[in-house]
Amino acid sequence: MFILKMISGERFNITREDAQSFVGKSGLVPVKSLGGMINVSSISSILPADLVETRKKTNDGMWCVKRFGQWYNENTGLIVEPKYQNELDGAKQPKQIETSQFAKELANKFNL
């Protein structure tokens, strides 16, 4: 997946094939994934989706942006380590695991 950014600021999700169809072209180029045509001179950039900036809010209220694979504090520009802010990399809060009946029997047997 690629992000096509227009000079006007609009962004569109396009396929790899559509992104490659703009190479060496001028004028209007058909874009299958959009079902229309785009003027090549109106394109600002075409980047892989994973390189485009991502913005998330941490549990403590800090806004962070991900630029080229690295997380930064939006206000200060300092690097934020995902190992200290689990929600940045999609890690969910650990859930308590229910104990099985077998584990309960063992606990009762050995007074644990």
Protein backbone atom coordinates (compact mmCIF):
# COMPACT_ATOMS: atom_id res chain seq x y z
CA MET A 1 0.00 0.00 0.00
CA PHE A 2 1.22 3.48 -0.90
CA ILE A 3 0.07 6.97 0.06
CA LEU A 4 -0.31 9.41 -2.81
CA LYS A 5 -0.19 13.00 -1.54
CA MET A 6 -1.44 15.78 -3.77
CA ILE A 7 -0.10 19.35 -3.80
CA SER A 8 -3.48 20.41 -2.35
CA GLY A 9 -2.79 18.20 0.72
CA GLU A 10 -5.28 15.43 -0.12
CA ARG A 11 -4.07 11.88 0.49
CA PHE A 12 -5.13 8.69 -1.25
CA ASN A 13 -4.31 5.02 -0.66
CA ILE A 14 -3.11 3.39 -3.86
CA THR A 15 -1.62 0.03 -4.81
CA ARG A 16 2.00 -0.63 -5.76
CA GLU A 17 0.97 -1.10 -9.40
CA ASP A 18 -0.75 2.30 -9.42
CA ALA A 19 2.31 3.95 -7.85
CA GLN A 20 4.54 2.43 -10.52
CA SER A 21 2.19 3.59 -13.28
CA PHE A 22 3.21 7.23 -12.63
CA VAL A 23 6.90 6.63 -13.43
CA GLY A 24 7.92 8.54 -16.57
CA LYS A 25 4.38 9.73 -17.28
CA SER A 26 2.95 13.20 -17.73
CA GLY A 27 -0.58 14.54 -17.94
CA LEU A 28 -3.55 12.47 -16.80
CA VAL A 29 -2.80 8.92 -15.66
CA PRO A 30 -5.55 6.35 -14.88
CA VAL A 31 -5.50 5.02 -11.30
CA LYS A 32 -7.42 1.74 -10.99
CA SER A 33 -7.60 1.70 -7.18
CA LEU A 34 -9.25 5.15 -7.19
CA GLY A 35 -11.44 4.57 -10.23
CA GLY A 36 -10.34 7.81 -11.86
CA MET A 37 -7.47 9.78 -13.32
CA ILE A 38 -4.85 12.01 -11.69
CA ASN A 39 -2.73 14.72 -13.26
CA VAL A 40 0.91 13.83 -12.58
CA SER A 41 1.88 17.50 -12.19
CA SER A 42 -0.50 17.73 -9.17
CA ILE A 43 1.29 14.99 -7.20
CA SER A 44 3.41 16.09 -4.26
CA SER A 45 4.73 12.65 -3.21
CA ILE A 46 4.12 8.90 -3.31
CA LEU A 47 5.47 7.02 -0.31
CA PRO A 48 5.04 3.54 1.17
CA ALA A 49 2.33 3.61 3.83
CA ASP A 50 4.73 2.52 6.58
CA LEU A 51 6.94 5.58 6.00
CA VAL A 52 4.13 8.10 6.30
CA GLU A 53 3.78 9.87 9.65
CA THR A 54 1.55 8.19 12.24
CA ARG A 55 0.13 10.02 15.27
CA LYS A 56 -0.97 8.35 18.55
CA LYS A 57 -1.84 9.43 22.06
CA THR A 58 -0.27 7.53 24.96
CA ASN A 59 -2.07 6.54 28.16
CA ASP A 60 -0.53 9.48 30.00
CA GLY A 61 -1.88 11.96 27.40
CA MET A 62 1.32 12.58 25.43
CA TRP A 63 0.93 12.89 21.65
CA CYS A 64 3.61 11.05 19.67
CA VAL A 65 4.36 10.89 15.96
CA LYS A 66 6.14 8.10 14.12
CA ARG A 67 8.46 9.29 11.38
CA PHE A 68 10.41 6.78 9.32
CA GLY A 69 10.08 4.07 11.96
CA GLN A 70 11.01 6.18 15.04
CA TRP A 71 8.58 7.59 17.63
CA TYR A 72 8.94 11.24 18.74
CA ASN A 73 7.17 13.40 21.32
CA GLU A 74 5.07 15.76 19.19
CA ASN A 75 5.69 18.80 21.44
CA THR A 76 9.37 18.44 22.28
CA GLY A 77 10.67 16.41 19.32
CA LEU A 78 12.45 14.02 21.70
CA ILE A 79 12.66 10.31 20.89
CA VAL A 80 10.12 8.15 22.73
CA GLU A 81 11.02 4.51 23.35
CA PRO A 82 8.11 2.11 22.66
CA LYS A 83 9.37 -0.22 25.41
CA TYR A 84 8.28 2.46 27.92
CA GLN A 85 5.08 3.39 26.04
CA ASN A 86 3.59 0.01 25.06
CA GLU A 87 0.57 1.49 23.30
CA LEU A 88 2.75 3.04 20.57
CA ASP A 89 3.53 -0.29 18.95
CA GLY A 90 0.04 -1.71 19.38
CA ALA A 91 0.89 -3.79 22.42
CA LYS A 92 -2.13 -4.29 24.60
CA GLN A 93 -2.17 -4.14 28.35
CA PRO A 94 -1.47 -7.56 29.81
CA LYS A 95 -4.63 -9.37 30.83
CA GLN A 96 -4.93 -11.60 33.80
CA ILE A 97 -5.02 -15.20 32.65
CA GLU A 98 -7.73 -17.35 34.12
CA THR A 99 -6.40 -20.38 35.88
CA SER A 100 -7.52 -23.73 34.61
CA GLN A 101 -9.33 -26.31 36.72
CA PHE A 102 -6.14 -28.39 36.77
CA ALA A 103 -4.12 -25.48 38.17
CA LYS A 104 -6.76 -24.92 40.85
CA GLU A 105 -6.64 -28.59 41.85
CA LEU A 106 -2.84 -28.46 42.11
CA ALA A 107 -3.02 -25.31 44.22
CA ASN A 108 -5.50 -26.97 46.58
CA LYS A 109 -3.47 -30.18 46.77
CA PHE A 110 -0.21 -28.42 47.66
CA ASN A 111 -1.78 -25.55 49.64
CA LEU A 112 -0.50 -22.88 47.25
